[in-house]
């Protein structure tokens, strides 16, 4: 049985963490993971992403200070996350670092990246840099699809992803 992982936004590095953990703990199961389909790819460190996203929130200073002070009321209401989530995420390697770690391990899965050219939450520039790095090293089997849209995708991007998912599931 072939397996496929799917992650969007902060779920994309979580899929990468899970894959790496399986490479360590259960190489046989990891070898069955054929594909990772990632969208809204979070490649920068979580602390940088939070700083960028929180800088424009209307609650200003209180929202920006909430992760550092573990202000649960603000984190829950304004961000929908817990202190533990923020602490864990800021300790983990960035998505880009995960790709580099997987490349150093000669990971065999194929990676499909869907990234919006106007994604404010997870900007396109780090995805382009990852694509260029991988093109120069050739370590990972990757395919990048850029769409003219934001973080939530477009109807056309969602249709393309649905077609890809149906195809890889039917192989």
N, C-alpha and C. Protein backbone atom coordinates (compact mmCIF):
# COMPACT_ATOMS: atom_id res chain seq x y z
N UNK A 1 0.84 -1.18 0.00
CA UNK A 1 0.00 0.00 0.00
C UNK A 1 0.88 1.24 0.00
N UNK A 2 0.61 2.13 -0.95
CA UNK A 2 1.32 3.40 -1.03
C UNK A 2 0.60 4.43 -0.18
N UNK A 3 1.37 5.33 0.42
CA UNK A 3 0.79 6.36 1.27
C UNK A 3 1.15 7.74 0.74
N UNK A 4 0.28 8.69 1.02
CA UNK A 4 0.48 10.07 0.58
C UNK A 4 0.15 10.98 1.75
N UNK A 5 0.97 12.00 1.96
CA UNK A 5 0.73 12.98 3.01
C UNK A 5 0.31 14.30 2.36
N UNK A 6 -0.59 15.00 3.03
CA UNK A 6 -1.10 16.28 2.53
C UNK A 6 -1.02 17.30 3.65
N UNK A 7 -0.47 18.46 3.38
CA UNK A 7 -0.40 19.51 4.38
C UNK A 7 -0.60 20.88 3.77
N UNK A 8 -1.31 21.74 4.48
CA UNK A 8 -1.52 23.12 4.05
C UNK A 8 -1.06 24.04 5.17
N UNK A 9 -0.35 25.11 4.81
CA UNK A 9 0.11 26.13 5.72
C UNK A 9 0.97 25.50 6.82
N UNK A 10 0.61 25.67 8.09
CA UNK A 10 1.43 25.05 9.14
C UNK A 10 1.37 23.53 9.10
N UNK A 11 0.40 22.99 8.39
CA UNK A 11 0.34 21.53 8.20
C UNK A 11 1.42 21.02 7.26
N UNK A 12 2.00 21.91 6.44
CA UNK A 12 3.05 21.46 5.53
C UNK A 12 4.32 21.07 6.29
N UNK A 13 4.85 21.89 7.21
CA UNK A 13 6.01 21.39 7.95
C UNK A 13 5.65 20.21 8.85
N UNK A 14 4.41 20.16 9.34
CA UNK A 14 4.01 19.02 10.17
C UNK A 14 4.10 17.73 9.34
N UNK A 15 3.69 17.78 8.08
CA UNK A 15 3.83 16.60 7.20
C UNK A 15 5.31 16.25 7.03
N UNK A 16 6.16 17.26 6.89
CA UNK A 16 7.60 17.01 6.75
C UNK A 16 8.17 16.41 8.03
N UNK A 17 7.75 16.91 9.21
CA UNK A 17 8.21 16.35 10.49
C UNK A 17 7.79 14.89 10.61
N UNK A 18 6.54 14.61 10.24
CA UNK A 18 6.04 13.23 10.34
C UNK A 18 6.83 12.30 9.42
N UNK A 19 7.10 12.76 8.23
CA UNK A 19 7.86 11.94 7.29
C UNK A 19 9.26 11.67 7.83
N UNK A 20 9.93 12.70 8.32
CA UNK A 20 11.28 12.50 8.87
C UNK A 20 11.24 11.56 10.07
N UNK A 21 10.24 11.72 10.93
CA UNK A 21 10.14 10.84 12.10
C UNK A 21 9.97 9.38 11.67
N UNK A 22 9.18 9.15 10.62
CA UNK A 22 9.03 7.79 10.12
C UNK A 22 10.33 7.26 9.53
N UNK A 23 11.10 8.10 8.87
CA UNK A 23 12.39 7.66 8.36
C UNK A 23 13.27 7.16 9.50
N UNK A 24 13.16 7.80 10.67
CA UNK A 24 13.94 7.39 11.84
C UNK A 24 13.37 6.16 12.54
N UNK A 25 12.07 6.16 12.74
CA UNK A 25 11.44 5.16 13.61
C UNK A 25 10.90 3.93 12.90
N UNK A 26 10.50 4.12 11.65
CA UNK A 26 9.91 3.00 10.92
C UNK A 26 10.23 3.15 9.42
N UNK A 27 11.47 2.84 9.04
CA UNK A 27 11.88 3.03 7.65
C UNK A 27 11.02 2.25 6.64
N UNK A 28 10.49 1.11 7.05
CA UNK A 28 9.65 0.34 6.14
C UNK A 28 8.37 1.12 5.83
N UNK A 29 7.73 1.65 6.87
CA UNK A 29 6.53 2.45 6.67
C UNK A 29 6.88 3.72 5.89
N UNK A 30 8.00 4.35 6.23
CA UNK A 30 8.42 5.57 5.52
C UNK A 30 8.62 5.30 4.04
N UNK A 31 9.10 4.12 3.71
CA UNK A 31 9.33 3.80 2.29
C UNK A 31 8.03 3.68 1.52
N UNK A 32 6.92 3.53 2.22
CA UNK A 32 5.61 3.46 1.56
C UNK A 32 5.02 4.85 1.29
N UNK A 33 5.61 5.88 1.88
CA UNK A 33 5.14 7.24 1.61
C UNK A 33 5.70 7.65 0.26
N UNK A 34 4.82 7.73 -0.69
CA UNK A 34 5.22 8.02 -2.06
C UNK A 34 5.19 9.51 -2.37
N UNK A 35 4.26 10.23 -1.75
CA UNK A 35 4.03 11.62 -2.15
C UNK A 35 3.68 12.49 -0.95
N UNK A 36 4.20 13.71 -0.98
CA UNK A 36 3.76 14.75 -0.06
C UNK A 36 3.23 15.89 -0.92
N UNK A 37 1.97 16.25 -0.71
CA UNK A 37 1.34 17.35 -1.44
C UNK A 37 1.18 18.49 -0.44
N UNK A 38 1.89 19.59 -0.71
CA UNK A 38 1.97 20.69 0.25
C UNK A 38 1.51 21.98 -0.42
N UNK A 39 0.72 22.75 0.31
CA UNK A 39 0.24 24.03 -0.23
C UNK A 39 0.37 25.10 0.84
N UNK A 40 0.44 26.34 0.39
CA UNK A 40 0.64 27.43 1.35
C UNK A 40 1.85 27.12 2.20
N UNK A 41 2.93 26.72 1.55
CA UNK A 41 4.09 26.11 2.19
C UNK A 41 4.79 27.06 3.15
N UNK A 42 4.80 26.69 4.42
CA UNK A 42 5.46 27.47 5.47
C UNK A 42 6.93 27.05 5.51
N UNK A 43 7.80 27.85 4.94
CA UNK A 43 9.22 27.52 4.86
C UNK A 43 10.09 28.28 5.85
N UNK A 44 9.62 29.42 6.30
CA UNK A 44 10.40 30.23 7.24
C UNK A 44 10.18 29.73 8.66
N UNK A 45 11.06 30.10 9.59
CA UNK A 45 10.83 29.74 10.99
C UNK A 45 9.48 30.30 11.48
N UNK A 46 8.79 29.53 12.32
CA UNK A 46 7.48 29.96 12.80
C UNK A 46 7.54 31.32 13.48
N UNK A 47 8.59 31.60 14.22
CA UNK A 47 8.70 32.91 14.89
C UNK A 47 8.67 34.04 13.86
N UNK A 48 9.33 33.86 12.72
CA UNK A 48 9.33 34.88 11.67
C UNK A 48 7.94 35.02 11.05
N UNK A 49 7.29 33.89 10.81
CA UNK A 49 5.95 33.91 10.24
C UNK A 49 4.99 34.63 11.18
N UNK A 50 5.05 34.30 12.47
CA UNK A 50 4.17 34.95 13.44
C UNK A 50 4.44 36.44 13.50
N UNK A 51 5.71 36.82 13.52
CA UNK A 51 6.05 38.25 13.58
C UNK A 51 5.45 38.99 12.38
N UNK A 52 5.59 38.41 11.22
CA UNK A 52 5.05 39.02 9.99
C UNK A 52 3.52 39.12 10.06
N UNK A 53 2.88 38.04 10.45
CA UNK A 53 1.42 38.02 10.46
C UNK A 53 0.84 38.90 11.57
N UNK A 54 1.48 38.90 12.73
CA UNK A 54 0.96 39.67 13.86
C UNK A 54 1.19 41.18 13.72
N UNK A 55 2.18 41.56 12.93
CA UNK A 55 2.51 42.98 12.79
C UNK A 55 1.35 43.79 12.24
N UNK A 56 0.47 43.17 11.50
CA UNK A 56 -0.62 43.94 10.90
C UNK A 56 -1.97 43.70 11.57
N UNK A 57 -1.98 42.97 12.67
CA UNK A 57 -3.26 42.71 13.34
C UNK A 57 -3.73 43.96 14.07
N UNK A 58 -5.04 44.19 14.07
CA UNK A 58 -5.57 45.43 14.63
C UNK A 58 -5.38 45.58 16.14
N UNK A 59 -5.19 44.49 16.88
CA UNK A 59 -5.03 44.59 18.33
C UNK A 59 -3.62 45.03 18.72
N UNK A 60 -2.80 45.26 17.74
CA UNK A 60 -1.48 45.84 17.96
C UNK A 60 -0.59 45.10 18.91
N UNK A 61 -0.10 45.84 19.89
CA UNK A 61 0.92 45.34 20.80
C UNK A 61 0.46 44.10 21.55
N UNK A 62 -0.77 44.08 22.03
CA UNK A 62 -1.24 42.94 22.82
C UNK A 62 -1.19 41.64 22.02
N UNK A 63 -1.61 41.68 20.77
CA UNK A 63 -1.57 40.48 19.94
C UNK A 63 -0.13 40.07 19.66
N UNK A 64 0.73 41.03 19.39
CA UNK A 64 2.14 40.70 19.10
C UNK A 64 2.84 40.14 20.33
N UNK A 65 2.43 40.53 21.52
CA UNK A 65 3.06 40.04 22.74
C UNK A 65 2.46 38.73 23.24
N UNK A 66 1.32 38.36 22.74
CA UNK A 66 0.61 37.17 23.24
C UNK A 66 1.44 35.89 23.17
N UNK A 67 2.13 35.59 22.08
CA UNK A 67 2.91 34.35 22.07
C UNK A 67 4.02 34.33 23.12
N UNK A 68 4.74 35.44 23.27
CA UNK A 68 5.85 35.49 24.23
C UNK A 68 5.37 35.39 25.67
N UNK A 69 4.21 35.98 25.97
CA UNK A 69 3.71 35.97 27.35
C UNK A 69 2.71 34.85 27.60
N UNK A 70 2.46 34.04 26.60
CA UNK A 70 1.50 32.94 26.68
C UNK A 70 0.14 33.44 27.17
N UNK A 71 -0.34 34.47 26.52
CA UNK A 71 -1.65 35.04 26.84
C UNK A 71 -2.71 34.20 26.14
N UNK A 72 -3.19 33.18 26.86
CA UNK A 72 -4.11 32.21 26.27
C UNK A 72 -5.37 32.85 25.73
N UNK A 73 -5.92 33.82 26.42
CA UNK A 73 -7.15 34.45 25.96
C UNK A 73 -6.96 35.08 24.58
N UNK A 74 -5.85 35.75 24.38
CA UNK A 74 -5.59 36.40 23.09
C UNK A 74 -5.25 35.35 22.04
N UNK A 75 -4.39 34.39 22.40
CA UNK A 75 -4.00 33.36 21.43
C UNK A 75 -5.22 32.58 20.94
N UNK A 76 -6.08 32.22 21.85
CA UNK A 76 -7.26 31.45 21.46
C UNK A 76 -8.21 32.28 20.60
N UNK A 77 -8.52 33.48 21.07
CA UNK A 77 -9.52 34.31 20.38
C UNK A 77 -9.01 34.85 19.05
N UNK A 78 -7.79 35.37 19.02
CA UNK A 78 -7.30 36.05 17.82
C UNK A 78 -6.56 35.15 16.85
N UNK A 79 -5.97 34.03 17.36
CA UNK A 79 -5.15 33.21 16.49
C UNK A 79 -5.61 31.75 16.42
N UNK A 80 -6.41 31.33 17.35
CA UNK A 80 -6.89 29.95 17.34
C UNK A 80 -5.82 28.92 17.64
N UNK A 81 -4.80 29.31 18.41
CA UNK A 81 -3.73 28.39 18.77
C UNK A 81 -3.44 28.48 20.26
N UNK A 82 -2.74 27.47 20.75
CA UNK A 82 -2.38 27.44 22.17
C UNK A 82 -0.93 27.86 22.37
N UNK A 83 -0.58 28.13 23.62
CA UNK A 83 0.80 28.45 23.97
C UNK A 83 1.71 27.28 23.61
N UNK A 84 1.26 26.08 23.90
CA UNK A 84 2.05 24.89 23.61
C UNK A 84 2.33 24.77 22.12
N UNK A 85 1.32 25.07 21.31
CA UNK A 85 1.50 25.03 19.86
C UNK A 85 2.59 26.01 19.43
N UNK A 86 2.52 27.23 19.92
CA UNK A 86 3.51 28.24 19.55
C UNK A 86 4.89 27.84 20.04
N UNK A 87 4.99 27.39 21.29
CA UNK A 87 6.28 26.97 21.84
C UNK A 87 6.88 25.82 21.04
N UNK A 88 6.06 24.82 20.74
CA UNK A 88 6.54 23.68 19.97
C UNK A 88 6.98 24.11 18.58
N UNK A 89 6.16 24.90 17.92
CA UNK A 89 6.46 25.31 16.56
C UNK A 89 7.70 26.17 16.44
N UNK A 90 7.96 27.01 17.44
CA UNK A 90 9.14 27.87 17.37
C UNK A 90 10.42 27.11 17.71
N UNK A 91 10.30 25.96 18.35
CA UNK A 91 11.48 25.13 18.64
C UNK A 91 11.85 24.23 17.46
N UNK A 92 10.92 23.96 16.60
CA UNK A 92 11.16 23.03 15.49
C UNK A 92 11.88 23.70 14.33
N UNK A 93 12.53 22.89 13.51
CA UNK A 93 13.19 23.45 12.32
C UNK A 93 12.16 24.05 11.36
N UNK A 94 12.58 25.07 10.65
CA UNK A 94 11.73 25.69 9.63
C UNK A 94 11.49 24.69 8.50
N UNK A 95 10.44 24.95 7.73
CA UNK A 95 10.13 24.08 6.60
C UNK A 95 11.29 23.94 5.64
N UNK A 96 11.99 25.03 5.34
CA UNK A 96 13.14 24.97 4.44
C UNK A 96 14.21 24.04 5.00
N UNK A 97 14.47 24.16 6.29
CA UNK A 97 15.47 23.28 6.92
C UNK A 97 15.05 21.82 6.83
N UNK A 98 13.76 21.58 6.91
CA UNK A 98 13.27 20.20 6.80
C UNK A 98 13.55 19.63 5.41
N UNK A 99 13.35 20.44 4.37
CA UNK A 99 13.67 19.97 3.03
C UNK A 99 15.16 19.64 2.92
N UNK A 100 16.00 20.48 3.50
CA UNK A 100 17.44 20.23 3.46
C UNK A 100 17.79 18.95 4.23
N UNK A 101 17.16 18.75 5.37
CA UNK A 101 17.40 17.52 6.14
C UNK A 101 16.96 16.29 5.37
N UNK A 102 15.80 16.37 4.74
CA UNK A 102 15.31 15.23 3.95
C UNK A 102 16.21 14.98 2.75
N UNK A 103 16.71 16.04 2.14
CA UNK A 103 17.64 15.87 1.02
C UNK A 103 18.91 15.16 1.46
N UNK A 104 19.41 15.52 2.64
CA UNK A 104 20.64 14.89 3.14
C UNK A 104 20.45 13.41 3.44
N UNK A 105 19.21 13.01 3.61
CA UNK A 105 18.88 11.61 3.89
C UNK A 105 18.45 10.87 2.63
N UNK A 106 18.51 11.53 1.49
CA UNK A 106 18.10 10.93 0.22
C UNK A 106 16.67 10.42 0.29
N UNK A 107 15.78 11.24 0.84
CA UNK A 107 14.36 10.87 0.94
C UNK A 107 13.82 10.57 -0.44
N UNK A 108 13.05 9.52 -0.55
CA UNK A 108 12.58 9.04 -1.84
C UNK A 108 11.19 9.54 -2.24
N UNK A 109 10.45 10.12 -1.32
CA UNK A 109 9.10 10.60 -1.64
C UNK A 109 9.18 11.71 -2.68
N UNK A 110 8.09 11.87 -3.39
CA UNK A 110 7.97 12.97 -4.35
C UNK A 110 7.19 14.10 -3.66
N UNK A 111 7.62 15.34 -3.88
CA UNK A 111 7.01 16.50 -3.26
C UNK A 111 6.32 17.34 -4.34
N UNK A 112 5.05 17.66 -4.10
CA UNK A 112 4.28 18.54 -4.97
C UNK A 112 3.93 19.78 -4.15
N UNK A 113 4.38 20.93 -4.61
CA UNK A 113 4.17 22.19 -3.89
C UNK A 113 3.23 23.07 -4.70
N UNK A 114 2.16 23.53 -4.05
CA UNK A 114 1.23 24.49 -4.63
C UNK A 114 1.40 25.79 -3.85
N UNK A 115 1.75 26.86 -4.53
CA UNK A 115 2.04 28.12 -3.83
C UNK A 115 1.42 29.29 -4.56
N UNK A 116 0.70 30.12 -3.82
CA UNK A 116 0.09 31.31 -4.39
C UNK A 116 1.10 32.42 -4.60
N UNK A 117 1.01 33.10 -5.72
CA UNK A 117 1.94 34.19 -6.00
C UNK A 117 1.63 35.44 -5.17
N UNK A 118 0.43 35.48 -4.58
CA UNK A 118 0.04 36.61 -3.74
C UNK A 118 -0.29 36.15 -2.33
N UNK A 119 0.38 35.11 -1.87
CA UNK A 119 0.14 34.55 -0.54
C UNK A 119 0.83 35.43 0.50
N UNK A 120 0.04 36.12 1.28
CA UNK A 120 0.58 37.01 2.30
C UNK A 120 1.02 36.21 3.53
N UNK A 121 0.33 35.13 3.86
CA UNK A 121 0.65 34.35 5.06
C UNK A 121 1.95 33.56 4.92
N UNK A 122 2.13 32.94 3.79
CA UNK A 122 3.36 32.20 3.50
C UNK A 122 3.84 32.66 2.13
N UNK A 123 4.67 33.69 2.12
CA UNK A 123 5.07 34.33 0.87
C UNK A 123 5.72 33.38 -0.14
N UNK A 124 5.61 33.76 -1.40
CA UNK A 124 6.12 32.95 -2.50
C UNK A 124 7.64 32.93 -2.56
N UNK A 125 8.32 33.99 -2.18
CA UNK A 125 9.78 34.07 -2.34
C UNK A 125 10.52 32.88 -1.72
N UNK A 126 10.20 32.44 -0.51
CA UNK A 126 10.90 31.27 0.02
C UNK A 126 10.65 29.99 -0.80
N UNK A 127 9.46 29.87 -1.38
CA UNK A 127 9.19 28.70 -2.24
C UNK A 127 10.03 28.77 -3.50
N UNK A 128 10.15 29.95 -4.09
CA UNK A 128 11.00 30.11 -5.27
C UNK A 128 12.46 29.79 -4.93
N UNK A 129 12.91 30.23 -3.75
CA UNK A 129 14.29 29.95 -3.32
C UNK A 129 14.49 28.44 -3.12
N UNK A 130 13.50 27.78 -2.54
CA UNK A 130 13.59 26.32 -2.37
C UNK A 130 13.65 25.64 -3.72
N UNK A 131 12.82 26.08 -4.64
CA UNK A 131 12.81 25.50 -5.98
C UNK A 131 14.17 25.67 -6.65
N UNK A 132 14.77 26.86 -6.55
CA UNK A 132 16.08 27.12 -7.14
C UNK A 132 17.15 26.26 -6.48
N UNK A 133 17.11 26.17 -5.15
CA UNK A 133 18.08 25.34 -4.43
C UNK A 133 17.98 23.89 -4.89
N UNK A 134 16.77 23.37 -4.95
CA UNK A 134 16.61 21.98 -5.34
C UNK A 134 17.00 21.77 -6.80
N UNK A 135 16.72 22.73 -7.66
CA UNK A 135 17.12 22.60 -9.06
C UNK A 135 18.64 22.54 -9.18
N UNK A 136 19.34 23.28 -8.31
CA UNK A 136 20.80 23.29 -8.38
C UNK A 136 21.42 22.04 -7.74
N UNK A 137 20.70 21.43 -6.80
CA UNK A 137 21.27 20.25 -6.13
C UNK A 137 20.69 18.95 -6.67
N UNK A 138 19.43 18.98 -7.08
CA UNK A 138 18.77 17.79 -7.60
C UNK A 138 18.54 16.70 -6.57
N UNK A 139 18.55 17.07 -5.29
CA UNK A 139 18.44 16.06 -4.23
C UNK A 139 17.04 15.49 -4.06
N UNK A 140 16.02 16.29 -4.28
CA UNK A 140 14.65 15.83 -4.03
C UNK A 140 13.84 15.85 -5.31
N UNK A 141 12.90 14.95 -5.37
CA UNK A 141 11.97 14.92 -6.51
C UNK A 141 10.83 15.88 -6.18
N UNK A 142 10.85 17.04 -6.82
CA UNK A 142 9.86 18.06 -6.51
C UNK A 142 9.20 18.60 -7.77
N UNK A 143 7.98 19.06 -7.59
CA UNK A 143 7.25 19.77 -8.63
C UNK A 143 6.60 20.97 -7.97
N UNK A 144 6.81 22.13 -8.54
CA UNK A 144 6.25 23.37 -8.01
C UNK A 144 5.19 23.88 -8.97
N UNK A 145 4.04 24.26 -8.39
CA UNK A 145 2.94 24.85 -9.17
C UNK A 145 2.58 26.17 -8.50
N UNK A 146 2.72 27.23 -9.23
CA UNK A 146 2.38 28.55 -8.72
C UNK A 146 1.07 28.98 -9.34
N UNK A 147 0.22 29.55 -8.53
CA UNK A 147 -1.07 30.03 -9.03
C UNK A 147 -1.23 31.50 -8.65
N UNK A 148 -1.98 32.21 -9.43
CA UNK A 148 -2.20 33.63 -9.24
C UNK A 148 -3.29 33.81 -8.18
N UNK A 149 -2.88 33.74 -6.92
CA UNK A 149 -3.85 33.83 -5.84
C UNK A 149 -3.16 33.87 -4.49
N UNK A 150 -3.98 33.86 -3.45
CA UNK A 150 -3.49 33.97 -2.08
C UNK A 150 -3.38 32.63 -1.37
N UNK A 151 -3.40 32.71 -0.06
CA UNK A 151 -3.14 31.56 0.80
C UNK A 151 -4.19 30.46 0.67
N UNK A 152 -5.43 30.83 0.48
CA UNK A 152 -6.51 29.84 0.41
C UNK A 152 -6.62 29.19 -0.96
N UNK A 153 -5.83 29.63 -1.91
CA UNK A 153 -5.87 29.04 -3.24
C UNK A 153 -6.94 29.67 -4.10
N UNK A 154 -7.08 29.14 -5.28
CA UNK A 154 -8.09 29.58 -6.23
C UNK A 154 -8.88 28.35 -6.65
N UNK A 155 -10.00 28.56 -7.29
CA UNK A 155 -10.77 27.41 -7.77
C UNK A 155 -9.92 26.56 -8.71
N UNK A 156 -9.17 27.21 -9.60
CA UNK A 156 -8.34 26.48 -10.56
C UNK A 156 -7.24 25.69 -9.84
N UNK A 157 -6.60 26.30 -8.84
CA UNK A 157 -5.55 25.60 -8.09
C UNK A 157 -6.13 24.42 -7.32
N UNK A 158 -7.30 24.63 -6.71
CA UNK A 158 -7.94 23.53 -5.97
C UNK A 158 -8.34 22.40 -6.91
N UNK A 159 -8.81 22.75 -8.10
CA UNK A 159 -9.16 21.73 -9.10
C UNK A 159 -7.91 20.95 -9.52
N UNK A 160 -6.83 21.67 -9.77
CA UNK A 160 -5.58 21.00 -10.18
C UNK A 160 -5.08 20.07 -9.08
N UNK A 161 -5.16 20.54 -7.83
CA UNK A 161 -4.72 19.70 -6.72
C UNK A 161 -5.63 18.48 -6.58
N UNK A 162 -6.93 18.66 -6.72
CA UNK A 162 -7.85 17.54 -6.64
C UNK A 162 -7.54 16.51 -7.72
N UNK A 163 -7.23 16.98 -8.92
CA UNK A 163 -6.87 16.06 -10.00
C UNK A 163 -5.58 15.32 -9.68
N UNK A 164 -4.60 16.03 -9.13
CA UNK A 164 -3.35 15.39 -8.74
C UNK A 164 -3.60 14.33 -7.67
N UNK A 165 -4.37 14.70 -6.65
CA UNK A 165 -4.64 13.75 -5.57
C UNK A 165 -5.38 12.52 -6.09
N UNK A 166 -6.34 12.72 -6.96
CA UNK A 166 -7.07 11.58 -7.55
C UNK A 166 -6.10 10.71 -8.36
N UNK A 167 -5.20 11.34 -9.10
CA UNK A 167 -4.25 10.59 -9.93
C UNK A 167 -3.30 9.76 -9.06
N UNK A 168 -2.69 10.39 -8.05
CA UNK A 168 -1.72 9.65 -7.25
C UNK A 168 -2.38 8.56 -6.42
N UNK A 169 -3.64 8.79 -6.03
CA UNK A 169 -4.36 7.76 -5.27
C UNK A 169 -4.76 6.58 -6.14
N UNK A 170 -4.88 6.80 -7.45
CA UNK A 170 -5.33 5.73 -8.33
C UNK A 170 -4.18 4.91 -8.91
N UNK A 171 -2.96 5.41 -8.79
CA UNK A 171 -1.82 4.68 -9.37
C UNK A 171 -1.59 3.34 -8.71
